[in-house]
Amino acid sequence: MLSGDNAETVQAVAKSVGIEGAEKMITGKEIEKWNDSDFTAQARDYAVFAQVLPEHKVKLVEAFKKDGFTAMVGDGVNDALAMKKSDLGIAMFGGVPGRDSWPMSF
């Protein structure tokens, strides 16, 4: 699970939907210290990524693609590049409260 949202919220959602290994989480602040090879070597060690930036999402998707098929679900432009890099990109419309009339097309 990759999210730009608050770490506590992300971990609670991950646990509630049954993501295996949800207790093992890393934040964008910690990921900022990674170099390019760290994304390949360390991404597999975590199931939940919180407070990640759009550029982190792209690098994480690229790292996960080395293991096989990837899918990325996003609800805004901050997810667009990671969705494009994934094998399957799914854009949610109205996934965030208050965006029901937000003009968005892919």
PDB file of N, CA and C in Angstrom:
ATOM      1  N   MET A   1       0.847  -1.170   0.000  1.00  0.00           N
ATOM      2  CA  MET A   1       0.000   0.000   0.000  1.00  0.00           C
ATOM      3  C   MET A   1       0.893   1.233   0.000  1.00  0.00           C
ATOM      4  N   LEU A   2       0.726   2.087  -0.995  1.00  0.00           N
ATOM      5  CA  LEU A   2       1.471   3.339  -1.099  1.00  0.00           C
ATOM      6  C   LEU A   2       0.494   4.484  -0.897  1.00  0.00           C
ATOM      7  N   SER A   3       0.837   5.403  -0.009  1.00  0.00           N
ATOM      8  CA  SER A   3      -0.063   6.525   0.240  1.00  0.00           C
ATOM      9  C   SER A   3       0.723   7.748   0.682  1.00  0.00           C
ATOM     10  N   GLY A   4       0.222   8.891   0.306  1.00  0.00           N
ATOM     11  CA  GLY A   4       0.785  10.144   0.766  1.00  0.00           C
ATOM     12  C   GLY A   4       0.172  10.601   2.076  1.00  0.00           C
ATOM     13  N   ASP A   5      -0.780   9.845   2.560  1.00  0.00           N
ATOM     14  CA  ASP A   5      -1.515  10.233   3.765  1.00  0.00           C
ATOM     15  C   ASP A   5      -0.734   9.976   5.049  1.00  0.00           C
ATOM     16  N   ASN A   6      -1.286  10.489   6.139  1.00  0.00           N
ATOM     17  CA  ASN A   6      -0.747  10.362   7.493  1.00  0.00           C
ATOM     18  C   ASN A   6      -0.446   8.903   7.832  1.00  0.00           C
ATOM     19  N   ALA A   7       0.717   8.669   8.453  1.00  0.00           N
ATOM     20  CA  ALA A   7       1.185   7.318   8.754  1.00  0.00           C
ATOM     21  C   ALA A   7       0.207   6.525   9.620  1.00  0.00           C
ATOM     22  N   GLU A   8      -0.350   7.146  10.647  1.00  0.00           N
ATOM     23  CA  GLU A   8      -1.281   6.434  11.530  1.00  0.00           C
ATOM     24  C   GLU A   8      -2.532   5.999  10.776  1.00  0.00           C
ATOM     25  N   THR A   9      -3.047   6.872   9.948  1.00  0.00           N
ATOM     26  CA  THR A   9      -4.239   6.561   9.167  1.00  0.00           C
ATOM     27  C   THR A   9      -3.959   5.445   8.175  1.00  0.00           C
ATOM     28  N   VAL A  10      -2.844   5.548   7.474  1.00  0.00           N
ATOM     29  CA  VAL A  10      -2.473   4.554   6.469  1.00  0.00           C
ATOM     30  C   VAL A  10      -2.323   3.176   7.112  1.00  0.00           C
ATOM     31  N   GLN A  11      -1.641   3.119   8.244  1.00  0.00           N
ATOM     32  CA  GLN A  11      -1.443   1.833   8.902  1.00  0.00           C
ATOM     33  C   GLN A  11      -2.767   1.258   9.405  1.00  0.00           C
ATOM     34  N   ALA A  12      -3.637   2.103   9.929  1.00  0.00           N
ATOM     35  CA  ALA A  12      -4.949   1.636  10.401  1.00  0.00           C
ATOM     36  C   ALA A  12      -5.776   1.070   9.250  1.00  0.00           C
ATOM     37  N   VAL A  13      -5.765   1.750   8.111  1.00  0.00           N
ATOM     38  CA  VAL A  13      -6.506   1.264   6.940  1.00  0.00           C
ATOM     39  C   VAL A  13      -5.896  -0.047   6.454  1.00  0.00           C
ATOM     40  N   ALA A  14      -4.578  -0.107   6.369  1.00  0.00           N
ATOM     41  CA  ALA A  14      -3.900  -1.324   5.909  1.00  0.00           C
ATOM     42  C   ALA A  14      -4.258  -2.519   6.781  1.00  0.00           C
ATOM     43  N   LYS A  15      -4.269  -2.328   8.087  1.00  0.00           N
ATOM     44  CA  LYS A  15      -4.628  -3.412   9.012  1.00  0.00           C
ATOM     45  C   LYS A  15      -6.095  -3.795   8.858  1.00  0.00           C
ATOM     46  N   SER A  16      -6.965  -2.787   8.709  1.00  0.00           N
ATOM     47  CA  SER A  16      -8.398  -3.063   8.632  1.00  0.00           C
ATOM     48  C   SER A  16      -8.795  -3.816   7.365  1.00  0.00           C
ATOM     49  N   VAL A  17      -8.033  -3.650   6.287  1.00  0.00           N
ATOM     50  CA  VAL A  17      -8.351  -4.370   5.046  1.00  0.00           C
ATOM     51  C   VAL A  17      -7.560  -5.669   4.927  1.00  0.00           C
ATOM     52  N   GLY A  18      -6.755  -5.972   5.943  1.00  0.00           N
ATOM     53  CA  GLY A  18      -6.076  -7.261   5.994  1.00  0.00           C
ATOM     54  C   GLY A  18      -4.788  -7.373   5.204  1.00  0.00           C
ATOM     55  N   ILE A  19      -4.083  -6.269   5.012  1.00  0.00           N
ATOM     56  CA  ILE A  19      -2.800  -6.339   4.305  1.00  0.00           C
ATOM     57  C   ILE A  19      -1.804  -7.075   5.186  1.00  0.00           C
ATOM     58  N   GLU A  20      -1.289  -8.171   4.647  1.00  0.00           N
ATOM     59  CA  GLU A  20      -0.308  -8.964   5.380  1.00  0.00           C
ATOM     60  C   GLU A  20       0.965  -8.143   5.579  1.00  0.00           C
ATOM     61  N   GLY A  21       1.454  -8.093   6.789  1.00  0.00           N
ATOM     62  CA  GLY A  21       2.653  -7.321   7.095  1.00  0.00           C
ATOM     63  C   GLY A  21       2.394  -5.844   7.304  1.00  0.00           C
ATOM     64  N   ALA A  22       1.141  -5.470   7.548  1.00  0.00           N
ATOM     65  CA  ALA A  22       0.767  -4.056   7.702  1.00  0.00           C
ATOM     66  C   ALA A  22       1.491  -3.373   8.848  1.00  0.00           C
ATOM     67  N   GLU A  23       1.938  -4.150   9.822  1.00  0.00           N
ATOM     68  CA  GLU A  23       2.647  -3.549  10.952  1.00  0.00           C
ATOM     69  C   GLU A  23       4.033  -3.058  10.555  1.00  0.00           C
ATOM     70  N   LYS A  24       4.546  -3.546   9.435  1.00  0.00           N
ATOM     71  CA  LYS A  24       5.868  -3.114   8.961  1.00  0.00           C
ATOM     72  C   LYS A  24       5.658  -1.976   7.965  1.00  0.00           C
ATOM     73  N   MET A  25       5.845  -0.769   8.431  1.00  0.00           N
ATOM     74  CA  MET A  25       5.570   0.427   7.630  1.00  0.00           C
ATOM     75  C   MET A  25       6.800   1.321   7.590  1.00  0.00           C
ATOM     76  N   ILE A  26       6.933   2.054   6.496  1.00  0.00           N
ATOM     77  CA  ILE A  26       7.998   3.042   6.352  1.00  0.00           C
ATOM     78  C   ILE A  26       7.372   4.332   5.840  1.00  0.00           C
ATOM     79  N   THR A  27       7.973   5.450   6.200  1.00  0.00           N
ATOM     80  CA  THR A  27       7.440   6.751   5.768  1.00  0.00           C
ATOM     81  C   THR A  27       8.354   7.389   4.720  1.00  0.00           C
ATOM     82  N   GLY A  28       7.786   8.383   4.073  1.00  0.00           N
ATOM     83  CA  GLY A  28       8.533   9.125   3.066  1.00  0.00           C
ATOM     84  C   GLY A  28       9.793   9.772   3.606  1.00  0.00           C
ATOM     85  N   LYS A  29       9.763  10.202   4.869  1.00  0.00           N
ATOM     86  CA  LYS A  29      10.963  10.805   5.469  1.00  0.00           C
ATOM     87  C   LYS A  29      12.112   9.810   5.494  1.00  0.00           C
ATOM     88  N   GLU A  30      11.791   8.560   5.798  1.00  0.00           N
ATOM     89  CA  GLU A  30      12.826   7.524   5.816  1.00  0.00           C
ATOM     90  C   GLU A  30      13.267   7.166   4.397  1.00  0.00           C
ATOM     91  N   ILE A  31      12.317   7.147   3.477  1.00  0.00           N
ATOM     92  CA  ILE A  31      12.615   6.823   2.086  1.00  0.00           C
ATOM     93  C   ILE A  31      13.495   7.895   1.443  1.00  0.00           C
ATOM     94  N   GLU A  32      13.356   9.134   1.893  1.00  0.00           N
ATOM     95  CA  GLU A  32      14.182  10.231   1.360  1.00  0.00           C
ATOM     96  C   GLU A  32      15.679   9.908   1.454  1.00  0.00           C
ATOM     97  N   LYS A  33      16.059   9.088   2.410  1.00  0.00           N
ATOM     98  CA  LYS A  33      17.469   8.733   2.628  1.00  0.00           C
ATOM     99  C   LYS A  33      17.947   7.640   1.670  1.00  0.00           C
ATOM    100  N   TRP A  34      17.023   6.986   0.970  1.00  0.00           N
ATOM    101  CA  TRP A  34      17.379   5.896   0.065  1.00  0.00           C
ATOM    102  C   TRP A  34      18.018   6.423  -1.210  1.00  0.00           C
ATOM    103  N   ASN A  35      18.971   5.660  -1.742  1.00  0.00           N
ATOM    104  CA  ASN A  35      19.474   5.934  -3.085  1.00  0.00           C
ATOM    105  C   ASN A  35      18.730   5.012  -4.048  1.00  0.00           C
ATOM    106  N   ASP A  36      19.011   5.101  -5.335  1.00  0.00           N
ATOM    107  CA  ASP A  36      18.255   4.325  -6.320  1.00  0.00           C
ATOM    108  C   ASP A  36      18.330   2.822  -6.077  1.00  0.00           C
ATOM    109  N   SER A  37      19.476   2.311  -5.689  1.00  0.00           N
ATOM    110  CA  SER A  37      19.592   0.864  -5.465  1.00  0.00           C
ATOM    111  C   SER A  37      18.848   0.434  -4.204  1.00  0.00           C
ATOM    112  N   ASP A  38      18.665   1.340  -3.257  1.00  0.00           N
ATOM    113  CA  ASP A  38      17.895   1.020  -2.052  1.00  0.00           C
ATOM    114  C   ASP A  38      16.434   0.712  -2.385  1.00  0.00           C
ATOM    115  N   PHE A  39      15.890   1.385  -3.396  1.00  0.00           N
ATOM    116  CA  PHE A  39      14.501   1.122  -3.773  1.00  0.00           C
ATOM    117  C   PHE A  39      14.344  -0.332  -4.193  1.00  0.00           C
ATOM    118  N   THR A  40      15.297  -0.840  -4.962  1.00  0.00           N
ATOM    119  CA  THR A  40      15.239  -2.234  -5.385  1.00  0.00           C
ATOM    120  C   THR A  40      15.493  -3.176  -4.217  1.00  0.00           C
ATOM    121  N   ALA A  41      16.469  -2.860  -3.395  1.00  0.00           N
ATOM    122  CA  ALA A  41      16.870  -3.752  -2.302  1.00  0.00           C
ATOM    123  C   ALA A  41      15.919  -3.719  -1.111  1.00  0.00           C
ATOM    124  N   GLN A  42      15.366  -2.560  -0.775  1.00  0.00           N
ATOM    125  CA  GLN A  42      14.613  -2.426   0.469  1.00  0.00           C
ATOM    126  C   GLN A  42      13.091  -2.357   0.316  1.00  0.00           C
ATOM    127  N   ALA A  43      12.608  -2.043  -0.871  1.00  0.00           N
ATOM    128  CA  ALA A  43      11.153  -1.902  -1.047  1.00  0.00           C
ATOM    129  C   ALA A  43      10.408  -3.172  -0.658  1.00  0.00           C
ATOM    130  N   ARG A  44      10.995  -4.311  -0.941  1.00  0.00           N
ATOM    131  CA  ARG A  44      10.344  -5.598  -0.641  1.00  0.00           C
ATOM    132  C   ARG A  44      10.220  -5.862   0.856  1.00  0.00           C
ATOM    133  N   ASP A  45      10.936  -5.109   1.664  1.00  0.00           N
ATOM    134  CA  ASP A  45      10.912  -5.319   3.111  1.00  0.00           C
ATOM    135  C   ASP A  45       9.679  -4.724   3.785  1.00  0.00           C
ATOM    136  N   TYR A  46       8.893  -3.969   3.040  1.00  0.00           N
ATOM    137  CA  TYR A  46       7.748  -3.261   3.612  1.00  0.00           C
ATOM    138  C   TYR A  46       6.469  -3.565   2.842  1.00  0.00           C
ATOM    139  N   ALA A  47       5.358  -3.560   3.555  1.00  0.00           N
ATOM    140  CA  ALA A  47       4.048  -3.748   2.935  1.00  0.00           C
ATOM    141  C   ALA A  47       3.272  -2.438   2.872  1.00  0.00           C
ATOM    142  N   VAL A  48       3.648  -1.484   3.719  1.00  0.00           N
ATOM    143  CA  VAL A  48       2.913  -0.227   3.822  1.00  0.00           C
ATOM    144  C   VAL A  48       3.898   0.941   3.754  1.00  0.00           C
ATOM    145  N   PHE A  49       3.573   1.882   2.876  1.00  0.00           N
ATOM    146  CA  PHE A  49       4.388   3.079   2.678  1.00  0.00           C
ATOM    147  C   PHE A  49       3.482   4.280   2.893  1.00  0.00           C
ATOM    148  N   ALA A  50       3.819   5.123   3.874  1.00  0.00           N
ATOM    149  CA  ALA A  50       2.981   6.272   4.217  1.00  0.00           C
ATOM    150  C   ALA A  50       3.733   7.575   4.001  1.00  0.00           C
ATOM    151  N   GLN A  51       2.988   8.621   3.759  1.00  0.00           N
ATOM    152  CA  GLN A  51       3.542   9.960   3.568  1.00  0.00           C
ATOM    153  C   GLN A  51       4.608   9.982   2.466  1.00  0.00           C
ATOM    154  N   VAL A  52       4.349   9.186   1.410  1.00  0.00           N
ATOM    155  CA  VAL A  52       5.299   9.144   0.304  1.00  0.00           C
ATOM    156  C   VAL A  52       4.954  10.217  -0.733  1.00  0.00           C
ATOM    157  N   LEU A  53       5.975  10.730  -1.348  1.00  0.00           N
ATOM    158  CA  LEU A  53       5.826  11.741  -2.392  1.00  0.00           C
ATOM    159  C   LEU A  53       5.558  11.060  -3.733  1.00  0.00           C
ATOM    160  N   PRO A  54       5.010  11.794  -4.702  1.00  0.00           N
ATOM    161  CA  PRO A  54       4.758  11.198  -6.022  1.00  0.00           C
ATOM    162  C   PRO A  54       6.004  10.549  -6.637  1.00  0.00           C
ATOM    163  N   GLU A  55       7.175  11.164  -6.471  1.00  0.00           N
ATOM    164  CA  GLU A  55       8.392  10.579  -7.044  1.00  0.00           C
ATOM    165  C   GLU A  55       8.793   9.286  -6.333  1.00  0.00           C
ATOM    166  N   HIS A  56       8.451   9.157  -5.048  1.00  0.00           N
ATOM    167  CA  HIS A  56       8.680   7.893  -4.337  1.00  0.00           C
ATOM    168  C   HIS A  56       7.788   6.804  -4.925  1.00  0.00           C
ATOM    169  N   LYS A  57       6.538   7.160  -5.190  1.00  0.00           N
ATOM    170  CA  LYS A  57       5.593   6.190  -5.737  1.00  0.00           C
ATOM    171  C   LYS A  57       6.106   5.634  -7.056  1.00  0.00           C
ATOM    172  N   VAL A  58       6.645   6.493  -7.910  1.00  0.00           N
ATOM    173  CA  VAL A  58       7.183   6.046  -9.205  1.00  0.00           C
ATOM    174  C   VAL A  58       8.333   5.067  -8.984  1.00  0.00           C
ATOM    175  N   LYS A  59       9.267   5.415  -8.126  1.00  0.00           N
ATOM    176  CA  LYS A  59      10.417   4.540  -7.884  1.00  0.00           C
ATOM    177  C   LYS A  59      10.006   3.224  -7.236  1.00  0.00           C
ATOM    178  N   LEU A  60       9.018   3.270  -6.372  1.00  0.00           N
ATOM    179  CA  LEU A  60       8.536   2.041  -5.739  1.00  0.00           C
ATOM    180  C   LEU A  60       7.853   1.140  -6.760  1.00  0.00           C
ATOM    181  N   VAL A  61       7.030   1.707  -7.619  1.00  0.00           N
ATOM    182  CA  VAL A  61       6.382   0.914  -8.669  1.00  0.00           C
ATOM    183  C   VAL A  61       7.445   0.282  -9.565  1.00  0.00           C
ATOM    184  N   GLU A  62       8.449   1.049  -9.935  1.00  0.00           N
ATOM    185  CA  GLU A  62       9.528   0.496 -10.766  1.00  0.00           C
ATOM    186  C   GLU A  62      10.233  -0.655 -10.057  1.00  0.00           C
ATOM    187  N   ALA A  63      10.458  -0.522  -8.769  1.00  0.00           N
ATOM    188  CA  ALA A  63      11.106  -1.593  -7.999  1.00  0.00           C
ATOM    189  C   ALA A  63      10.212  -2.828  -7.937  1.00  0.00           C
ATOM    190  N   PHE A  64       8.919  -2.648  -7.716  1.00  0.00           N
ATOM    191  CA  PHE A  64       7.996  -3.777  -7.630  1.00  0.00           C
ATOM    192  C   PHE A  64       7.829  -4.472  -8.973  1.00  0.00           C
ATOM    193  N   LYS A  65       7.940  -3.732 -10.076  1.00  0.00           N
ATOM    194  CA  LYS A  65       7.803  -4.333 -11.405  1.00  0.00           C
ATOM    195  C   LYS A  65       8.878  -5.390 -11.663  1.00  0.00           C
ATOM    196  N   LYS A  66      10.005  -5.271 -10.990  1.00  0.00           N
ATOM    197  CA  LYS A  66      11.070  -6.265 -11.170  1.00  0.00           C
ATOM    198  C   LYS A  66      10.644  -7.638 -10.653  1.00  0.00           C
ATOM    199  N   ASP A  67       9.634  -7.668  -9.781  1.00  0.00           N
ATOM    200  CA  ASP A  67       9.122  -8.923  -9.231  1.00  0.00           C
ATOM    201  C   ASP A  67       7.909  -9.443  -9.993  1.00  0.00           C
ATOM    202  N   GLY A  68       7.373  -8.651 -10.909  1.00  0.00           N
ATOM    203  CA  GLY A  68       6.206  -9.097 -11.667  1.00  0.00           C
ATOM    204  C   GLY A  68       5.214  -7.984 -11.916  1.00  0.00           C
ATOM    205  N   PHE A  69       3.990  -8.372 -12.137  1.00  0.00           N
ATOM    206  CA  PHE A  69       2.897  -7.474 -12.502  1.00  0.00           C
ATOM    207  C   PHE A  69       2.600  -6.465 -11.391  1.00  0.00           C
ATOM    208  N   THR A  70       2.363  -5.216 -11.778  1.00  0.00           N
ATOM    209  CA  THR A  70       2.007  -4.172 -10.817  1.00  0.00           C
ATOM    210  C   THR A  70       0.712  -3.489 -11.232  1.00  0.00           C
ATOM    211  N   ALA A  71      -0.024  -3.036 -10.241  1.00  0.00           N
ATOM    212  CA  ALA A  71      -1.220  -2.225 -10.474  1.00  0.00           C
ATOM    213  C   ALA A  71      -1.152  -1.054  -9.505  1.00  0.00           C
ATOM    214  N   MET A  72      -1.601   0.091  -9.958  1.00  0.00           N
ATOM    215  CA  MET A  72      -1.595   1.292  -9.127  1.00  0.00           C
ATOM    216  C   MET A  72      -2.963   1.941  -9.226  1.00  0.00           C
ATOM    217  N   VAL A  73      -3.569   2.174  -8.077  1.00  0.00           N
ATOM    218  CA  VAL A  73      -4.852   2.866  -8.006  1.00  0.00           C
ATOM    219  C   VAL A  73      -4.570   4.259  -7.469  1.00  0.00           C
ATOM    220  N   GLY A  74      -5.087   5.270  -8.143  1.00  0.00           N
ATOM    221  CA  GLY A  74      -4.862   6.640  -7.706  1.00  0.00           C
ATOM    222  C   GLY A  74      -6.117   7.472  -7.802  1.00  0.00           C
ATOM    223  N   ASP A  75      -6.125   8.562  -7.032  1.00  0.00           N
ATOM    224  CA  ASP A  75      -7.300   9.437  -7.037  1.00  0.00           C
ATOM    225  C   ASP A  75      -6.957  10.881  -7.357  1.00  0.00           C
ATOM    226  N   GLY A  76      -5.761  11.111  -7.877  1.00  0.00           N
ATOM    227  CA  GLY A  76      -5.392  12.488  -8.202  1.00  0.00           C
ATOM    228  C   GLY A  76      -4.157  12.550  -9.073  1.00  0.00           C
ATOM    229  N   VAL A  77      -3.808  13.762  -9.477  1.00  0.00           N
ATOM    230  CA  VAL A  77      -2.666  13.939 -10.366  1.00  0.00           C
ATOM    231  C   VAL A  77      -1.349  13.518  -9.712  1.00  0.00           C
ATOM    232  N   ASN A  78      -1.298  13.510  -8.384  1.00  0.00           N
ATOM    233  CA  ASN A  78      -0.079  13.091  -7.698  1.00  0.00           C
ATOM    234  C   ASN A  78       0.193  11.601  -7.904  1.00  0.00           C
ATOM    235  N   ASP A  79      -0.776  10.847  -8.383  1.00  0.00           N
ATOM    236  CA  ASP A  79      -0.624   9.416  -8.634  1.00  0.00           C
ATOM    237  C   ASP A  79      -0.418   9.091 -10.115  1.00  0.00           C
ATOM    238  N   ALA A  80      -0.568  10.067 -10.980  1.00  0.00           N
ATOM    239  CA  ALA A  80      -0.581   9.816 -12.421  1.00  0.00           C
ATOM    240  C   ALA A  80       0.705   9.169 -12.938  1.00  0.00           C
ATOM    241  N   LEU A  81       1.863   9.653 -12.540  1.00  0.00           N
ATOM    242  CA  LEU A  81       3.110   9.077 -13.048  1.00  0.00           C
ATOM    243  C   LEU A  81       3.307   7.641 -12.582  1.00  0.00           C
ATOM    244  N   ALA A  82       2.980   7.344 -11.345  1.00  0.00           N
ATOM    245  CA  ALA A  82       3.100   5.974 -10.845  1.00  0.00           C
ATOM    246  C   ALA A  82       2.100   5.063 -11.555  1.00  0.00           C
ATOM    247  N   MET A  83       0.899   5.562 -11.827  1.00  0.00           N
ATOM    248  CA  MET A  83      -0.089   4.766 -12.559  1.00  0.00           C
ATOM    249  C   MET A  83       0.406   4.479 -13.967  1.00  0.00           C
ATOM    250  N   LYS A  84       1.040   5.455 -14.585  1.00  0.00           N
ATOM    251  CA  LYS A  84       1.561   5.271 -15.946  1.00  0.00           C
ATOM    252  C   LYS A  84       2.693   4.242 -15.959  1.00  0.00           C
ATOM    253  N   LYS A  85       3.528   4.232 -14.945  1.00  0.00           N
ATOM    254  CA  LYS A  85       4.653   3.291 -14.856  1.00  0.00           C
ATOM    255  C   LYS A  85       4.199   1.865 -14.566  1.00  0.00           C
ATOM    256  N   SER A  86       3.063   1.724 -13.882  1.00  0.00           N
ATOM    257  CA  SER A  86       2.589   0.392 -13.513  1.00  0.00           C
ATOM    258  C   SER A  86       2.041  -0.328 -14.744  1.00  0.00           C
ATOM    259  N   ASP A  87       1.875  -1.644 -14.607  1.00  0.00           N
ATOM    260  CA  ASP A  87       1.305  -2.425 -15.699  1.00  0.00           C
ATOM    261  C   ASP A  87      -0.181  -2.124 -15.883  1.00  0.00           C
ATOM    262  N   LEU A  88      -0.845  -1.790 -14.784  1.00  0.00           N
ATOM    263  CA  LEU A  88      -2.262  -1.454 -14.809  1.00  0.00           C
ATOM    264  C   LEU A  88      -2.482  -0.233 -13.934  1.00  0.00           C
ATOM    265  N   GLY A  89      -2.966   0.833 -14.531  1.00  0.00           N
ATOM    266  CA  GLY A  89      -3.273   2.049 -13.784  1.00  0.00           C
ATOM    267  C   GLY A  89      -4.773   2.225 -13.679  1.00  0.00           C
ATOM    268  N   ILE A  90      -5.254   2.441 -12.470  1.00  0.00           N
ATOM    269  CA  ILE A  90      -6.689   2.588 -12.236  1.00  0.00           C
ATOM    270  C   ILE A  90      -6.926   3.946 -11.597  1.00  0.00           C
ATOM    271  N   ALA A  91      -7.674   4.797 -12.295  1.00  0.00           N
ATOM    272  CA  ALA A  91      -7.977   6.131 -11.783  1.00  0.00           C
ATOM    273  C   ALA A  91      -9.356   6.124 -11.147  1.00  0.00           C
ATOM    274  N   MET A  92      -9.413   6.523  -9.884  1.00  0.00           N
ATOM    275  CA  MET A  92     -10.691   6.613  -9.175  1.00  0.00           C
ATOM    276  C   MET A  92     -11.223   8.028  -9.323  1.00  0.00           C
ATOM    277  N   PHE A  93     -12.472   8.123  -9.639  1.00  0.00           N
ATOM    278  CA  PHE A  93     -13.127   9.419  -9.695  1.00  0.00           C
ATOM    279  C   PHE A  93     -13.961   9.567  -8.446  1.00  0.00           C
ATOM    280  N   GLY A  94     -13.786  10.662  -7.753  1.00  0.00           N
ATOM    281  CA  GLY A  94     -14.570  10.887  -6.544  1.00  0.00           C
ATOM    282  C   GLY A  94     -14.079  10.086  -5.357  1.00  0.00           C
ATOM    283  N   GLY A  95     -12.814   9.660  -5.373  1.00  0.00           N
ATOM    284  CA  GLY A  95     -12.260   8.895  -4.266  1.00  0.00           C
ATOM    285  C   GLY A  95     -11.975   9.734  -3.039  1.00  0.00           C
ATOM    286  N   VAL A  96     -11.924  11.028  -3.224  1.00  0.00           N
ATOM    287  CA  VAL A  96     -11.641  11.942  -2.120  1.00  0.00           C
ATOM    288  C   VAL A  96     -12.865  12.822  -1.917  1.00  0.00           C
ATOM    289  N   PRO A  97     -13.343  12.954  -0.697  1.00  0.00           N
ATOM    290  CA  PRO A  97     -14.519  13.804  -0.451  1.00  0.00           C
ATOM    291  C   PRO A  97     -14.313  15.216  -0.986  1.00  0.00           C
ATOM    292  N   GLY A  98     -15.332  15.721  -1.653  1.00  0.00           N
ATOM    293  CA  GLY A  98     -15.276  17.080  -2.178  1.00  0.00           C
ATOM    294  C   GLY A  98     -14.777  17.159  -3.610  1.00  0.00           C
ATOM    295  N   ARG A  99     -14.382  16.030  -4.180  1.00  0.00           N
ATOM    296  CA  ARG A  99     -13.885  16.032  -5.555  1.00  0.00           C
ATOM    297  C   ARG A  99     -14.900  15.455  -6.532  1.00  0.00           C
ATOM    298  N   ASP A 100     -16.156  15.321  -6.117  1.00  0.00           N
ATOM    299  CA  ASP A 100     -17.146  14.670  -6.974  1.00  0.00           C
ATOM    300  C   ASP A 100     -17.336  15.387  -8.304  1.00  0.00           C
ATOM    301  N   SER A 101     -17.144  16.676  -8.335  1.00  0.00           N
ATOM    302  CA  SER A 101     -17.331  17.403  -9.584  1.00  0.00           C
ATOM    303  C   SER A 101     -16.008  17.831 -10.200  1.00  0.00           C
ATOM    304  N   TRP A 102     -14.933  17.296  -9.675  1.00  0.00           N
ATOM    305  CA  TRP A 102     -13.603  17.646 -10.163  1.00  0.00           C
ATOM    306  C   TRP A 102     -13.416  17.129 -11.579  1.00  0.00           C
ATOM    307  N   PRO A 103     -13.115  17.972 -12.556  1.00  0.00           N
ATOM    308  CA  PRO A 103     -12.947  17.473 -13.939  1.00  0.00           C
ATOM    309  C   PRO A 103     -11.638  16.699 -14.062  1.00  0.00           C
ATOM    310  N   MET A 104     -11.758  15.455 -14.441  1.00  0.00           N
ATOM    311  CA  MET A 104     -10.582  14.593 -14.533  1.00  0.00           C
ATOM    312  C   MET A 104     -10.793  13.604 -15.652  1.00  0.00           C
ATOM    313  N   SER A 105      -9.814  13.473 -16.539  1.00  0.00           N
ATOM    314  CA  SER A 105      -9.919  12.463 -17.586  1.00  0.00           C
ATOM    315  C   SER A 105      -8.557  11.859 -17.837  1.00  0.00           C
ATOM    316  N   PHE A 106      -8.553  10.583 -18.146  1.00  0.00           N
ATOM    317  CA  PHE A 106      -7.310   9.858 -18.452  1.00  0.00           C
ATOM    318  C   PHE A 106      -7.456   9.141 -19.758  1.00  0.00           C
TER     319      PHE A 106
END
